[in-house]
Amino acid sequence: MSENADPKRRIVSSRHLSEGEGWEASEVEYGMIIAYNAFSRWMTRCMSAAGNTDLTPLEILVLHNTNHRGRDKRLTDICFLLNIEDTHTVNYALRKLMKMELLSSEKRGKEVFYSTSKTGADLCEAYRQVRNRCFLDGLSHLDMTGNEMREIAASLRTLSGQYDQASRAAASL
């Protein structure tokens, strides 16, 4: 679609955000909105197929992040790695995962470290197997190389940095 494309034909998040210069950002935002919602729906359905129907997308992310590389994590580590500012939501997820015996915790000095329990690690493995069977098998039909996927991932991380910077600027207004 050219720069002067008919505004009525643009696939954007909101028409009022897509008028004038930089309208393409609204097109990207709409893509992120539908991708986020599809990914959230996928995570909960994949986790259900893996054997747990009680986890929200955030709880699934926290579980996988805690399981990542088999290293114990603090609340601040998890929030930093997932780019979550509201520690209360992650703390609530950690408490729920502990109550479900998917995580365990250990206090070291003033810090609490979380790790996956055997049950939690087994659930992450079951999720991985469902992901391989239902998502990765279909992904091979997209005619996209691993390098192209890594470039998309790098672009998304860069774009998230721009949104973080813009949110800091907006907070100072």
C-alpha atoms as a PDB file:
ATOM      1  CA  MET A   1       0.000   0.000   0.000  1.00  0.00           C
ATOM      2  CA  SER A   2       1.475   3.374  -0.965  1.00  0.00           C
ATOM      3  CA  GLU A   3       2.050   6.262   1.421  1.00  0.00           C
ATOM      4  CA  ASN A   4      -1.011   7.987  -0.004  1.00  0.00           C
ATOM      5  CA  ALA A   5      -3.235   4.939   0.390  1.00  0.00           C
ATOM      6  CA  ASP A   6      -6.895   5.592   0.998  1.00  0.00           C
ATOM      7  CA  PRO A   7      -7.277   6.033   4.804  1.00  0.00           C
ATOM      8  CA  LYS A   8     -10.517   4.048   4.661  1.00  0.00           C
ATOM      9  CA  ARG A   9      -8.615   0.991   3.380  1.00  0.00           C
ATOM     10  CA  ARG A  10      -5.829   0.955   5.957  1.00  0.00           C
ATOM     11  CA  ILE A  11      -5.813  -1.893   8.474  1.00  0.00           C
ATOM     12  CA  VAL A  12      -5.197   0.101  11.620  1.00  0.00           C
ATOM     13  CA  SER A  13      -5.974   0.067  15.340  1.00  0.00           C
ATOM     14  CA  SER A  14      -8.111   3.219  15.211  1.00  0.00           C
ATOM     15  CA  ARG A  15      -8.857   5.481  12.277  1.00  0.00           C
ATOM     16  CA  HIS A  16      -8.404   8.625  14.383  1.00  0.00           C
ATOM     17  CA  LEU A  17      -4.842   7.437  15.215  1.00  0.00           C
ATOM     18  CA  SER A  18      -4.024   6.742  11.584  1.00  0.00           C
ATOM     19  CA  GLU A  19      -4.610  10.126  10.030  1.00  0.00           C
ATOM     20  CA  GLY A  20      -1.677  12.160   8.813  1.00  0.00           C
ATOM     21  CA  GLU A  21       2.016  11.487   9.080  1.00  0.00           C
ATOM     22  CA  GLY A  22       3.105   8.247  10.722  1.00  0.00           C
ATOM     23  CA  TRP A  23      -0.148   6.408  10.063  1.00  0.00           C
ATOM     24  CA  GLU A  24       1.837   3.200   9.594  1.00  0.00           C
ATOM     25  CA  ALA A  25       2.442   3.052  13.356  1.00  0.00           C
ATOM     26  CA  SER A  26      -1.282   2.436  13.835  1.00  0.00           C
ATOM     27  CA  GLU A  27      -1.049  -0.443  11.379  1.00  0.00           C
ATOM     28  CA  VAL A  28       1.803  -1.948  13.420  1.00  0.00           C
ATOM     29  CA  GLU A  29      -0.139  -1.379  16.657  1.00  0.00           C
ATOM     30  CA  TYR A  30      -3.146  -3.215  15.249  1.00  0.00           C
ATOM     31  CA  GLY A  31      -0.874  -6.106  14.292  1.00  0.00           C
ATOM     32  CA  MET A  32       0.529  -6.162  17.834  1.00  0.00           C
ATOM     33  CA  ILE A  33      -2.975  -6.074  19.348  1.00  0.00           C
ATOM     34  CA  ILE A  34      -4.214  -9.061  17.394  1.00  0.00           C
ATOM     35  CA  ALA A  35      -0.909 -10.916  17.848  1.00  0.00           C
ATOM     36  CA  TYR A  36      -0.995 -10.306  21.632  1.00  0.00           C
ATOM     37  CA  ASN A  37      -4.572 -11.561  21.897  1.00  0.00           C
ATOM     38  CA  ALA A  38      -3.872 -14.591  19.690  1.00  0.00           C
ATOM     39  CA  PHE A  39      -0.736 -15.387  21.702  1.00  0.00           C
ATOM     40  CA  SER A  40      -2.618 -15.069  25.010  1.00  0.00           C
ATOM     41  CA  ARG A  41      -5.372 -17.344  23.732  1.00  0.00           C
ATOM     42  CA  TRP A  42      -2.754 -19.811  22.442  1.00  0.00           C
ATOM     43  CA  MET A  43      -0.889 -19.929  25.764  1.00  0.00           C
ATOM     44  CA  THR A  44      -4.014 -20.765  27.768  1.00  0.00           C
ATOM     45  CA  ARG A  45      -5.182 -23.403  25.281  1.00  0.00           C
ATOM     46  CA  CYS A  46      -1.722 -24.937  25.012  1.00  0.00           C
ATOM     47  CA  MET A  47      -1.479 -25.064  28.799  1.00  0.00           C
ATOM     48  CA  SER A  48      -4.952 -26.644  28.963  1.00  0.00           C
ATOM     49  CA  ALA A  49      -3.850 -29.309  26.493  1.00  0.00           C
ATOM     50  CA  ALA A  50      -0.710 -29.798  28.608  1.00  0.00           C
ATOM     51  CA  GLY A  51      -2.896 -30.571  31.610  1.00  0.00           C
ATOM     52  CA  ASN A  52      -3.642 -27.334  33.512  1.00  0.00           C
ATOM     53  CA  THR A  53      -6.769 -25.298  32.814  1.00  0.00           C
ATOM     54  CA  ASP A  54      -6.392 -22.867  35.729  1.00  0.00           C
ATOM     55  CA  LEU A  55      -3.573 -20.551  34.602  1.00  0.00           C
ATOM     56  CA  THR A  56      -3.842 -17.082  33.087  1.00  0.00           C
ATOM     57  CA  PRO A  57      -1.430 -15.936  30.361  1.00  0.00           C
ATOM     58  CA  LEU A  58       0.617 -13.985  32.932  1.00  0.00           C
ATOM     59  CA  GLU A  59       0.866 -17.010  35.223  1.00  0.00           C
ATOM     60  CA  ILE A  60       2.000 -19.146  32.284  1.00  0.00           C
ATOM     61  CA  LEU A  61       4.684 -16.604  31.408  1.00  0.00           C
ATOM     62  CA  VAL A  62       5.840 -16.438  35.031  1.00  0.00           C
ATOM     63  CA  LEU A  63       5.986 -20.242  35.242  1.00  0.00           C
ATOM     64  CA  HIS A  64       8.039 -20.541  32.047  1.00  0.00           C
ATOM     65  CA  ASN A  65      10.310 -17.669  33.051  1.00  0.00           C
ATOM     66  CA  THR A  66      10.933 -19.203  36.470  1.00  0.00           C
ATOM     67  CA  ASN A  67      11.732 -22.511  34.766  1.00  0.00           C
ATOM     68  CA  HIS A  68      14.079 -20.793  32.265  1.00  0.00           C
ATOM     69  CA  ARG A  69      17.600 -22.247  32.362  1.00  0.00           C
ATOM     70  CA  GLY A  70      16.895 -23.969  35.678  1.00  0.00           C
ATOM     71  CA  ARG A  71      18.041 -20.929  37.660  1.00  0.00           C
ATOM     72  CA  ASP A  72      16.292 -19.584  40.740  1.00  0.00           C
ATOM     73  CA  LYS A  73      14.666 -16.207  40.169  1.00  0.00           C
ATOM     74  CA  ARG A  74      13.651 -13.289  42.368  1.00  0.00           C
ATOM     75  CA  LEU A  75      10.492 -11.277  41.815  1.00  0.00           C
ATOM     76  CA  THR A  76      12.603  -8.430  40.418  1.00  0.00           C
ATOM     77  CA  ASP A  77      14.338 -10.803  37.965  1.00  0.00           C
ATOM     78  CA  ILE A  78      11.024 -12.063  36.614  1.00  0.00           C
ATOM     79  CA  CYS A  79       9.566  -8.553  36.286  1.00  0.00           C
ATOM     80  CA  PHE A  80      12.710  -7.307  34.545  1.00  0.00           C
ATOM     81  CA  LEU A  81      12.904 -10.187  32.080  1.00  0.00           C
ATOM     82  CA  LEU A  82       9.196  -9.988  31.220  1.00  0.00           C
ATOM     83  CA  ASN A  83       9.294  -6.152  31.137  1.00  0.00           C
ATOM     84  CA  ILE A  84       6.498  -5.890  33.702  1.00  0.00           C
ATOM     85  CA  GLU A  85       6.364  -2.744  35.792  1.00  0.00           C
ATOM     86  CA  ASP A  86       3.549  -3.778  38.148  1.00  0.00           C
ATOM     87  CA  THR A  87       5.282  -6.160  40.550  1.00  0.00           C
ATOM     88  CA  HIS A  88       2.014  -6.807  42.385  1.00  0.00           C
ATOM     89  CA  THR A  89       0.558  -8.748  39.439  1.00  0.00           C
ATOM     90  CA  VAL A  90       3.671 -10.923  39.191  1.00  0.00           C
ATOM     91  CA  ASN A  91       3.753 -11.411  42.967  1.00  0.00           C
ATOM     92  CA  TYR A  92       0.111 -12.573  42.856  1.00  0.00           C
ATOM     93  CA  ALA A  93       0.997 -15.000  40.041  1.00  0.00           C
ATOM     94  CA  LEU A  94       3.940 -16.350  42.066  1.00  0.00           C
ATOM     95  CA  ARG A  95       1.716 -16.931  45.112  1.00  0.00           C
ATOM     96  CA  LYS A  96      -0.885 -18.735  43.004  1.00  0.00           C
ATOM     97  CA  LEU A  97       1.768 -20.920  41.328  1.00  0.00           C
ATOM     98  CA  MET A  98       3.207 -21.773  44.753  1.00  0.00           C
ATOM     99  CA  LYS A  99      -0.237 -22.649  46.111  1.00  0.00           C
ATOM    100  CA  MET A 100      -0.680 -24.965  43.097  1.00  0.00           C
ATOM    101  CA  GLU A 101       2.725 -26.486  43.972  1.00  0.00           C
ATOM    102  CA  LEU A 102       4.173 -25.581  40.569  1.00  0.00           C
ATOM    103  CA  LEU A 103       6.833 -23.402  42.201  1.00  0.00           C
ATOM    104  CA  SER A 104       8.776 -23.469  45.421  1.00  0.00           C
ATOM    105  CA  SER A 105      10.537 -20.636  47.202  1.00  0.00           C
ATOM    106  CA  GLU A 106      13.558 -20.177  49.411  1.00  0.00           C
ATOM    107  CA  LYS A 107      14.408 -17.135  51.486  1.00  0.00           C
ATOM    108  CA  ARG A 108      18.065 -16.113  51.330  1.00  0.00           C
ATOM    109  CA  GLY A 109      18.750 -13.153  53.569  1.00  0.00           C
ATOM    110  CA  LYS A 110      16.112 -10.569  52.681  1.00  0.00           C
ATOM    111  CA  GLU A 111      15.469 -12.002  49.200  1.00  0.00           C
ATOM    112  CA  VAL A 112      13.040 -14.726  48.151  1.00  0.00           C
ATOM    113  CA  PHE A 113      14.115 -16.971  45.273  1.00  0.00           C
ATOM    114  CA  TYR A 114      11.630 -18.997  43.230  1.00  0.00           C
ATOM    115  CA  SER A 115      12.173 -22.197  41.298  1.00  0.00           C
ATOM    116  CA  THR A 116       9.946 -24.667  39.528  1.00  0.00           C
ATOM    117  CA  SER A 117       8.962 -27.768  41.421  1.00  0.00           C
ATOM    118  CA  LYS A 118       9.116 -31.163  39.739  1.00  0.00           C
ATOM    119  CA  THR A 119       5.397 -30.788  38.972  1.00  0.00           C
ATOM    120  CA  GLY A 120       6.008 -27.315  37.498  1.00  0.00           C
ATOM    121  CA  ALA A 121       8.937 -28.495  35.382  1.00  0.00           C
ATOM    122  CA  ASP A 122       6.886 -31.468  34.147  1.00  0.00           C
ATOM    123  CA  LEU A 123       4.055 -29.102  33.189  1.00  0.00           C
ATOM    124  CA  CYS A 124       6.501 -26.871  31.285  1.00  0.00           C
ATOM    125  CA  GLU A 125       7.740 -29.960  29.426  1.00  0.00           C
ATOM    126  CA  ALA A 126       4.176 -31.039  28.590  1.00  0.00           C
ATOM    127  CA  TYR A 127       3.517 -27.493  27.301  1.00  0.00           C
ATOM    128  CA  ARG A 128       6.669 -27.723  25.159  1.00  0.00           C
ATOM    129  CA  GLN A 129       5.463 -30.983  23.630  1.00  0.00           C
ATOM    130  CA  VAL A 130       2.027 -29.538  22.807  1.00  0.00           C
ATOM    131  CA  ARG A 131       3.744 -26.442  21.366  1.00  0.00           C
ATOM    132  CA  ASN A 132       5.937 -28.600  19.163  1.00  0.00           C
ATOM    133  CA  ARG A 133       3.006 -30.643  17.903  1.00  0.00           C
ATOM    134  CA  CYS A 134       0.460 -27.852  17.420  1.00  0.00           C
ATOM    135  CA  PHE A 135       2.493 -24.731  16.678  1.00  0.00           C
ATOM    136  CA  LEU A 136       5.986 -25.528  15.449  1.00  0.00           C
ATOM    137  CA  ASP A 137       4.798 -28.197  13.013  1.00  0.00           C
ATOM    138  CA  GLY A 138       2.511 -25.635  11.348  1.00  0.00           C
ATOM    139  CA  LEU A 139       5.126 -22.900  11.471  1.00  0.00           C
ATOM    140  CA  SER A 140       7.273 -24.861   9.029  1.00  0.00           C
ATOM    141  CA  HIS A 141       4.689 -24.126   6.312  1.00  0.00           C
ATOM    142  CA  LEU A 142       5.243 -20.353   6.489  1.00  0.00           C
ATOM    143  CA  ASP A 143       8.334 -20.360   4.276  1.00  0.00           C
ATOM    144  CA  MET A 144      10.208 -18.248   6.817  1.00  0.00           C
ATOM    145  CA  THR A 145      13.816 -18.893   7.749  1.00  0.00           C
ATOM    146  CA  GLY A 146      15.170 -18.940  11.270  1.00  0.00           C
ATOM    147  CA  ASN A 147      17.141 -15.781  10.471  1.00  0.00           C
ATOM    148  CA  GLU A 148      13.957 -14.005   9.381  1.00  0.00           C
ATOM    149  CA  MET A 149      12.240 -15.014  12.606  1.00  0.00           C
ATOM    150  CA  ARG A 150      15.206 -13.733  14.639  1.00  0.00           C
ATOM    151  CA  GLU A 151      15.027 -10.424  12.732  1.00  0.00           C
ATOM    152  CA  ILE A 152      11.328 -10.086  13.589  1.00  0.00           C
ATOM    153  CA  ALA A 153      12.128 -10.817  17.249  1.00  0.00           C
ATOM    154  CA  ALA A 154      14.893  -8.187  17.251  1.00  0.00           C
ATOM    155  CA  SER A 155      12.546  -5.639  15.651  1.00  0.00           C
ATOM    156  CA  LEU A 156       9.880  -6.330  18.272  1.00  0.00           C
ATOM    157  CA  ARG A 157      12.409  -5.867  21.098  1.00  0.00           C
ATOM    158  CA  THR A 158      13.581  -2.596  19.533  1.00  0.00           C
ATOM    159  CA  LEU A 159       9.999  -1.417  19.114  1.00  0.00           C
ATOM    160  CA  SER A 160       9.265  -2.254  22.759  1.00  0.00           C
ATOM    161  CA  GLY A 161      12.157   0.017  23.727  1.00  0.00           C
ATOM    162  CA  GLN A 162      10.589   2.839  21.734  1.00  0.00           C
ATOM    163  CA  TYR A 163       7.269   2.297  23.533  1.00  0.00           C
ATOM    164  CA  ASP A 164       9.089   2.267  26.899  1.00  0.00           C
ATOM    165  CA  GLN A 165      10.787   5.564  26.053  1.00  0.00           C
ATOM    166  CA  ALA A 166       7.501   7.082  24.873  1.00  0.00           C
ATOM    167  CA  SER A 167       5.776   5.960  28.097  1.00  0.00           C
ATOM    168  CA  ARG A 168       8.458   7.700  30.165  1.00  0.00           C
ATOM    169  CA  ALA A 169       7.994  10.857  28.093  1.00  0.00           C
ATOM    170  CA  ALA A 170       4.200  10.683  28.500  1.00  0.00           C
ATOM    171  CA  ALA A 171       4.563  10.222  32.273  1.00  0.00           C
ATOM    172  CA  SER A 172       6.504  13.490  32.450  1.00  0.00           C
ATOM    173  CA  LEU A 173       3.782  15.546  30.739  1.00  0.00           C
END
